Each structure stands twice: as structure tokens, then as C-alpha cells.
Amino acid sequence: MRISHGLGVTFASALLACGGGDSTGPVSMDTAQDGCAADCQHRIDCGSPTPLAECTAECVASVTGVIREDVFNDVVDCSTQLACGASNDACEALCTPTDAHERYEAACRGVFAACLDPTELNSLCSVTPTGSGDAGSFCYFAPSIIDEFTACVPAGAACQTAITCFQNVATAHNIDI
């Protein structure tokens, strides 16, 4: 599974509902394995036909090294407590931006304000998730990856140059934009 993005990041709920620590660094393989297994088992208990091993492997591949460990753990803890069929919007909003994320948002808005409509701008640049829609999804990414995206949007960067750079960073981390 890939993190998908249309010019905003749409975090697949299967990816978000995977879980494990309190570091803002990227999720480790061990933490991902434990959290993803817990989340996938909850999904199976709620009727998902996807086998545990397949679900866990897809989740681990999607989050390891990319998603913040603290957010991963919070979302997994939250989503595995939900009743089957309940909305996980509140779980998806459990992300507080770091300083790196706030720098990214400011730089992103500075470059893309001239070339994106307000909805696209918010989807691509906001780092405060609401639990609904694309806006804020960049909050989930580890600060080291956010720093790579921030490097794409120095003051005065041309929109197309920045978008190409974003695509290169996203490709390097298996993130669809």
C-alpha cells in the first residue's frame, strides 16, 4: 500500500490505522510490526477478509521509515479501541505538528500560494490534520522527510520546480503525490 496523494496527501485509512513509541522520528520495523499486527487483527475481528500476514506486511511496508512513531502509536491505540464500523476521523486527527512541520507549512504556502487554488494549497501545505480529507496529512510524516519536502520550497522557487522536487522526494519514500 502506498500513501496516496492527489495534490494533497490522502492517507489511506488502512495505513493510518496501523500502530507503536513516543519519538517523532520514523516508525521502526519492530514498532510497525507490532502496531500493524494489532490494527490488522482488529480489522479482521471487524470482518476484514484480508489475511493477517498480508495486511500486516502491507502496513509495515507503508509506515516503516516514513510515518512518525508517536503519531503511529497514537492512531493505532485509538483505532483499535473503536467499535467496528465507527469513524476513525478523531484518531486521524491525533497529530501535533513539530517545528519541522511548521517550517514546512510556511515555506510551502509561500511558494504555492501563487499557483494553487485555496483547497489544493491547504491539502498540500497544511500540517494540522482534521481527521477529514487531505488537509494536514503531512503531519504524519517523520520530520526528516518533512525537511526534504521543505528543501523543495525555498523562497522564490518556481511552482513547477517545487512540484517536481516534491515528486522526487515522494518517489524516494514511496509516497504518491
C-alpha atoms as a PDB file:
ATOM      1  CA  MET A   1       0.000   0.000   0.000  1.00  0.00           C
ATOM      2  CA  ARG A   2       1.219   3.463  -0.762  1.00  0.00           C
ATOM      3  CA  ILE A   3       0.426   6.739   0.825  1.00  0.00           C
ATOM      4  CA  SER A   4      -1.660   8.353  -1.848  1.00  0.00           C
ATOM      5  CA  HIS A   5      -1.878  11.982  -2.693  1.00  0.00           C
ATOM      6  CA  GLY A   6      -3.690  13.893  -5.365  1.00  0.00           C
ATOM      7  CA  LEU A   7      -2.030  17.323  -4.758  1.00  0.00           C
ATOM      8  CA  GLY A   8      -2.711  16.810  -1.116  1.00  0.00           C
ATOM      9  CA  VAL A   9      -1.917  13.661   0.775  1.00  0.00           C
ATOM     10  CA  THR A  10      -4.806  11.260   1.224  1.00  0.00           C
ATOM     11  CA  PHE A  11      -3.762   8.935   3.949  1.00  0.00           C
ATOM     12  CA  ALA A  12      -5.409   5.616   3.328  1.00  0.00           C
ATOM     13  CA  SER A  13      -7.260   4.678   6.466  1.00  0.00           C
ATOM     14  CA  ALA A  14      -5.629   1.276   6.352  1.00  0.00           C
ATOM     15  CA  LEU A  15      -2.275   2.963   6.600  1.00  0.00           C
ATOM     16  CA  LEU A  16      -3.291   5.279   9.386  1.00  0.00           C
ATOM     17  CA  ALA A  17      -4.893   2.563  11.352  1.00  0.00           C
ATOM     18  CA  CYS A  18      -1.662   0.693  11.773  1.00  0.00           C
ATOM     19  CA  GLY A  19       0.237   1.409  15.462  1.00  0.00           C
ATOM     20  CA  GLY A  20       3.664   1.556  18.494  1.00  0.00           C
ATOM     21  CA  GLY A  21       6.619   4.740  20.981  1.00  0.00           C
ATOM     22  CA  ASP A  22       6.778   8.377  21.530  1.00  0.00           C
ATOM     23  CA  SER A  23       9.542   9.560  19.210  1.00  0.00           C
ATOM     24  CA  THR A  24       8.737  11.993  16.419  1.00  0.00           C
ATOM     25  CA  GLY A  25      11.260  10.046  14.349  1.00  0.00           C
ATOM     26  CA  PRO A  26      10.192   7.461  11.796  1.00  0.00           C
ATOM     27  CA  VAL A  27       8.487   4.237  12.816  1.00  0.00           C
ATOM     28  CA  SER A  28      10.944   1.351  13.205  1.00  0.00           C
ATOM     29  CA  MET A  29      10.326  -2.053  11.669  1.00  0.00           C
ATOM     30  CA  ASP A  30       9.685  -3.621  15.098  1.00  0.00           C
ATOM     31  CA  THR A  31       7.246  -0.928  16.167  1.00  0.00           C
ATOM     32  CA  ALA A  32       5.488  -1.108  12.813  1.00  0.00           C
ATOM     33  CA  GLN A  33       5.237  -4.893  13.010  1.00  0.00           C
ATOM     34  CA  ASP A  34       3.601  -4.804  16.449  1.00  0.00           C
ATOM     35  CA  GLY A  35       1.243  -1.922  15.709  1.00  0.00           C
ATOM     36  CA  CYS A  36       0.258  -3.128  12.267  1.00  0.00           C
ATOM     37  CA  ALA A  37      -0.448  -6.624  13.567  1.00  0.00           C
ATOM     38  CA  ALA A  38      -2.691  -5.189  16.295  1.00  0.00           C
ATOM     39  CA  ASP A  39      -4.528  -2.968  13.843  1.00  0.00           C
ATOM     40  CA  CYS A  40      -4.921  -5.726  11.275  1.00  0.00           C
ATOM     41  CA  GLN A  41      -6.244  -8.121  13.889  1.00  0.00           C
ATOM     42  CA  HIS A  42      -8.815  -5.501  14.889  1.00  0.00           C
ATOM     43  CA  ARG A  43      -9.805  -5.161  11.230  1.00  0.00           C
ATOM     44  CA  ILE A  44     -10.170  -8.939  10.935  1.00  0.00           C
ATOM     45  CA  ASP A  45     -12.233  -9.016  14.135  1.00  0.00           C
ATOM     46  CA  CYS A  46     -14.454  -6.409  12.445  1.00  0.00           C
ATOM     47  CA  GLY A  47     -14.910  -8.510   9.311  1.00  0.00           C
ATOM     48  CA  SER A  48     -11.989  -7.696   7.006  1.00  0.00           C
ATOM     49  CA  PRO A  49     -11.281 -10.639   4.698  1.00  0.00           C
ATOM     50  CA  THR A  50      -7.610  -9.678   4.285  1.00  0.00           C
ATOM     51  CA  PRO A  51      -5.374 -12.289   5.930  1.00  0.00           C
ATOM     52  CA  LEU A  52      -3.416 -11.051   8.953  1.00  0.00           C
ATOM     53  CA  ALA A  53       0.007 -11.671   7.399  1.00  0.00           C
ATOM     54  CA  GLU A  54      -0.893  -9.824   4.185  1.00  0.00           C
ATOM     55  CA  CYS A  55      -2.473  -6.870   5.986  1.00  0.00           C
ATOM     56  CA  THR A  56       0.448  -6.606   8.399  1.00  0.00           C
ATOM     57  CA  ALA A  57       3.082  -6.818   5.648  1.00  0.00           C
ATOM     58  CA  GLU A  58       1.362  -4.092   3.593  1.00  0.00           C
ATOM     59  CA  CYS A  59       1.020  -1.847   6.621  1.00  0.00           C
ATOM     60  CA  VAL A  60       4.631  -2.359   7.733  1.00  0.00           C
ATOM     61  CA  ALA A  61       5.888  -1.572   4.225  1.00  0.00           C
ATOM     62  CA  SER A  62       3.802   1.614   4.163  1.00  0.00           C
ATOM     63  CA  VAL A  63       4.764   3.095   7.510  1.00  0.00           C
ATOM     64  CA  THR A  64       8.317   1.972   8.306  1.00  0.00           C
ATOM     65  CA  GLY A  65      10.766   4.839   7.969  1.00  0.00           C
ATOM     66  CA  VAL A  66       8.092   7.263   6.767  1.00  0.00           C
ATOM     67  CA  ILE A  67       5.444   7.836   9.420  1.00  0.00           C
ATOM     68  CA  ARG A  68       6.170   9.436  12.807  1.00  0.00           C
ATOM     69  CA  GLU A  69       6.376   6.868  15.579  1.00  0.00           C
ATOM     70  CA  ASP A  70       4.396   8.955  18.067  1.00  0.00           C
ATOM     71  CA  VAL A  71       1.550   9.510  15.646  1.00  0.00           C
ATOM     72  CA  PHE A  72       1.588   5.886  14.519  1.00  0.00           C
ATOM     73  CA  ASN A  73       1.260   4.700  18.118  1.00  0.00           C
ATOM     74  CA  ASP A  74      -1.468   7.193  18.970  1.00  0.00           C
ATOM     75  CA  VAL A  75      -3.527   6.361  15.895  1.00  0.00           C
ATOM     76  CA  VAL A  76      -3.172   2.598  16.399  1.00  0.00           C
ATOM     77  CA  ASP A  77      -4.066   2.859  20.069  1.00  0.00           C
ATOM     78  CA  CYS A  78      -7.108   4.937  19.181  1.00  0.00           C
ATOM     79  CA  SER A  79      -8.313   2.969  16.165  1.00  0.00           C
ATOM     80  CA  THR A  80      -8.000  -0.441  17.783  1.00  0.00           C
ATOM     81  CA  GLN A  81     -10.285   0.793  20.580  1.00  0.00           C
ATOM     82  CA  LEU A  82     -13.045   1.787  18.173  1.00  0.00           C
ATOM     83  CA  ALA A  83     -16.187  -0.229  17.726  1.00  0.00           C
ATOM     84  CA  CYS A  84     -16.403  -1.982  14.381  1.00  0.00           C
ATOM     85  CA  GLY A  85     -17.684   0.405  11.730  1.00  0.00           C
ATOM     86  CA  ALA A  86     -17.047   3.518  13.833  1.00  0.00           C
ATOM     87  CA  SER A  87     -15.470   6.533  12.160  1.00  0.00           C
ATOM     88  CA  ASN A  88     -11.749   6.893  12.788  1.00  0.00           C
ATOM     89  CA  ASP A  89     -11.742  10.636  11.983  1.00  0.00           C
ATOM     90  CA  ALA A  90     -10.886  11.542  15.571  1.00  0.00           C
ATOM     91  CA  CYS A  91      -7.994   9.057  15.527  1.00  0.00           C
ATOM     92  CA  GLU A  92      -6.650  10.505  12.297  1.00  0.00           C
ATOM     93  CA  ALA A  93      -6.604  13.977  13.870  1.00  0.00           C
ATOM     94  CA  LEU A  94      -4.204  12.840  16.628  1.00  0.00           C
ATOM     95  CA  CYS A  95      -1.155  14.588  15.249  1.00  0.00           C
ATOM     96  CA  THR A  96       0.555  17.679  16.587  1.00  0.00           C
ATOM     97  CA  PRO A  97       2.954  19.312  14.129  1.00  0.00           C
ATOM     98  CA  THR A  98       6.615  19.580  15.115  1.00  0.00           C
ATOM     99  CA  ASP A  99       8.744  22.664  14.441  1.00  0.00           C
ATOM    100  CA  ALA A 100       9.897  20.987  11.205  1.00  0.00           C
ATOM    101  CA  HIS A 101       6.277  20.631  10.114  1.00  0.00           C
ATOM    102  CA  GLU A 102       5.502  24.266  10.890  1.00  0.00           C
ATOM    103  CA  ARG A 103       8.559  25.397   8.867  1.00  0.00           C
ATOM    104  CA  TYR A 104       7.350  23.206   6.005  1.00  0.00           C
ATOM    105  CA  GLU A 105       3.860  24.711   6.059  1.00  0.00           C
ATOM    106  CA  ALA A 106       5.161  28.284   5.994  1.00  0.00           C
ATOM    107  CA  ALA A 107       7.586  27.578   3.145  1.00  0.00           C
ATOM    108  CA  CYS A 108       5.014  25.552   1.210  1.00  0.00           C
ATOM    109  CA  ARG A 109       2.376  28.259   1.438  1.00  0.00           C
ATOM    110  CA  GLY A 110       4.959  30.884   0.484  1.00  0.00           C
ATOM    111  CA  VAL A 111       5.756  29.124  -2.788  1.00  0.00           C
ATOM    112  CA  PHE A 112       2.437  27.580  -3.771  1.00  0.00           C
ATOM    113  CA  ALA A 113       0.062  30.434  -2.843  1.00  0.00           C
ATOM    114  CA  ALA A 114       0.606  31.899  -6.295  1.00  0.00           C
ATOM    115  CA  CYS A 115      -0.156  28.756  -8.269  1.00  0.00           C
ATOM    116  CA  LEU A 116      -2.652  26.581  -6.376  1.00  0.00           C
ATOM    117  CA  ASP A 117      -6.266  27.217  -5.518  1.00  0.00           C
ATOM    118  CA  PRO A 118      -7.017  27.512  -1.782  1.00  0.00           C
ATOM    119  CA  THR A 119      -8.239  23.905  -1.460  1.00  0.00           C
ATOM    120  CA  GLU A 120      -5.146  22.489  -3.171  1.00  0.00           C
ATOM    121  CA  LEU A 121      -2.926  24.806  -1.148  1.00  0.00           C
ATOM    122  CA  ASN A 122      -4.450  23.635   2.113  1.00  0.00           C
ATOM    123  CA  SER A 123      -4.267  19.971   1.079  1.00  0.00           C
ATOM    124  CA  LEU A 124      -0.605  20.218   0.163  1.00  0.00           C
ATOM    125  CA  CYS A 125       0.637  22.601   2.826  1.00  0.00           C
ATOM    126  CA  SER A 126      -1.435  22.204   5.989  1.00  0.00           C
ATOM    127  CA  VAL A 127       0.199  20.180   8.762  1.00  0.00           C
ATOM    128  CA  THR A 128      -2.737  20.192  11.159  1.00  0.00           C
ATOM    129  CA  PRO A 129      -4.995  17.236  10.364  1.00  0.00           C
ATOM    130  CA  THR A 130      -8.706  17.497  10.912  1.00  0.00           C
ATOM    131  CA  GLY A 131      -9.416  13.786  10.505  1.00  0.00           C
ATOM    132  CA  SER A 132     -11.407  14.554   7.388  1.00  0.00           C
ATOM    133  CA  GLY A 133      -9.940  14.982   3.912  1.00  0.00           C
ATOM    134  CA  ASP A 134      -6.381  15.586   2.790  1.00  0.00           C
ATOM    135  CA  ALA A 135      -5.561  18.728   4.739  1.00  0.00           C
ATOM    136  CA  GLY A 136      -2.953  18.180   7.431  1.00  0.00           C
ATOM    137  CA  SER A 137      -1.772  14.794   6.244  1.00  0.00           C
ATOM    138  CA  PHE A 138       1.843  15.935   6.023  1.00  0.00           C
ATOM    139  CA  CYS A 139       1.815  15.974   9.844  1.00  0.00           C
ATOM    140  CA  TYR A 140       2.109  12.174   9.792  1.00  0.00           C
ATOM    141  CA  PHE A 141       5.489  12.181   8.031  1.00  0.00           C
ATOM    142  CA  ALA A 142       8.699  11.969  10.034  1.00  0.00           C
ATOM    143  CA  PRO A 143      10.490  15.336  10.407  1.00  0.00           C
ATOM    144  CA  SER A 144      13.440  14.080   8.352  1.00  0.00           C
ATOM    145  CA  ILE A 145      11.114  13.560   5.377  1.00  0.00           C
ATOM    146  CA  ILE A 146       9.363  16.869   6.015  1.00  0.00           C
ATOM    147  CA  ASP A 147      12.787  18.550   5.885  1.00  0.00           C
ATOM    148  CA  GLU A 148      13.291  17.039   2.418  1.00  0.00           C
ATOM    149  CA  PHE A 149       9.957  18.489   1.269  1.00  0.00           C
ATOM    150  CA  THR A 150      10.832  21.847   2.861  1.00  0.00           C
ATOM    151  CA  ALA A 151      14.060  21.930   0.850  1.00  0.00           C
ATOM    152  CA  CYS A 152      11.862  21.843  -2.275  1.00  0.00           C
ATOM    153  CA  VAL A 153      10.206  25.153  -1.438  1.00  0.00           C
ATOM    154  CA  PRO A 154      12.855  27.795  -0.782  1.00  0.00           C
ATOM    155  CA  ALA A 155      11.628  31.370  -1.036  1.00  0.00           C
ATOM    156  CA  GLY A 156      11.186  32.343  -4.660  1.00  0.00           C
ATOM    157  CA  ALA A 157      11.054  28.785  -6.017  1.00  0.00           C
ATOM    158  CA  ALA A 158       9.032  28.306  -9.191  1.00  0.00           C
ATOM    159  CA  CYS A 159       5.895  26.239  -8.652  1.00  0.00           C
ATOM    160  CA  GLN A 160       6.716  23.611 -11.278  1.00  0.00           C
ATOM    161  CA  THR A 161      10.262  23.226  -9.953  1.00  0.00           C
ATOM    162  CA  ALA A 162       8.909  22.739  -6.432  1.00  0.00           C
ATOM    163  CA  ILE A 163       6.297  20.229  -7.621  1.00  0.00           C
ATOM    164  CA  THR A 164       8.959  18.237  -9.475  1.00  0.00           C
ATOM    165  CA  CYS A 165      11.112  18.233  -6.355  1.00  0.00           C
ATOM    166  CA  PHE A 166       8.105  17.085  -4.263  1.00  0.00           C
ATOM    167  CA  GLN A 167       7.528  14.247  -6.709  1.00  0.00           C
ATOM    168  CA  ASN A 168      11.167  13.170  -6.420  1.00  0.00           C
ATOM    169  CA  VAL A 169      11.042  13.171  -2.604  1.00  0.00           C
ATOM    170  CA  ALA A 170       7.741  11.314  -2.642  1.00  0.00           C
ATOM    171  CA  THR A 171       9.065   8.689  -5.034  1.00  0.00           C
ATOM    172  CA  ALA A 172      12.133   8.150  -2.885  1.00  0.00           C
ATOM    173  CA  HIS A 173       9.852   7.381   0.094  1.00  0.00           C
ATOM    174  CA  ASN A 174       7.085   5.503  -1.739  1.00  0.00           C
ATOM    175  CA  ILE A 175       4.586   8.328  -1.253  1.00  0.00           C
ATOM    176  CA  ASP A 176       2.160   9.081  -4.106  1.00  0.00           C
ATOM    177  CA  ILE A 177       1.652  12.753  -4.903  1.00  0.00           C
END
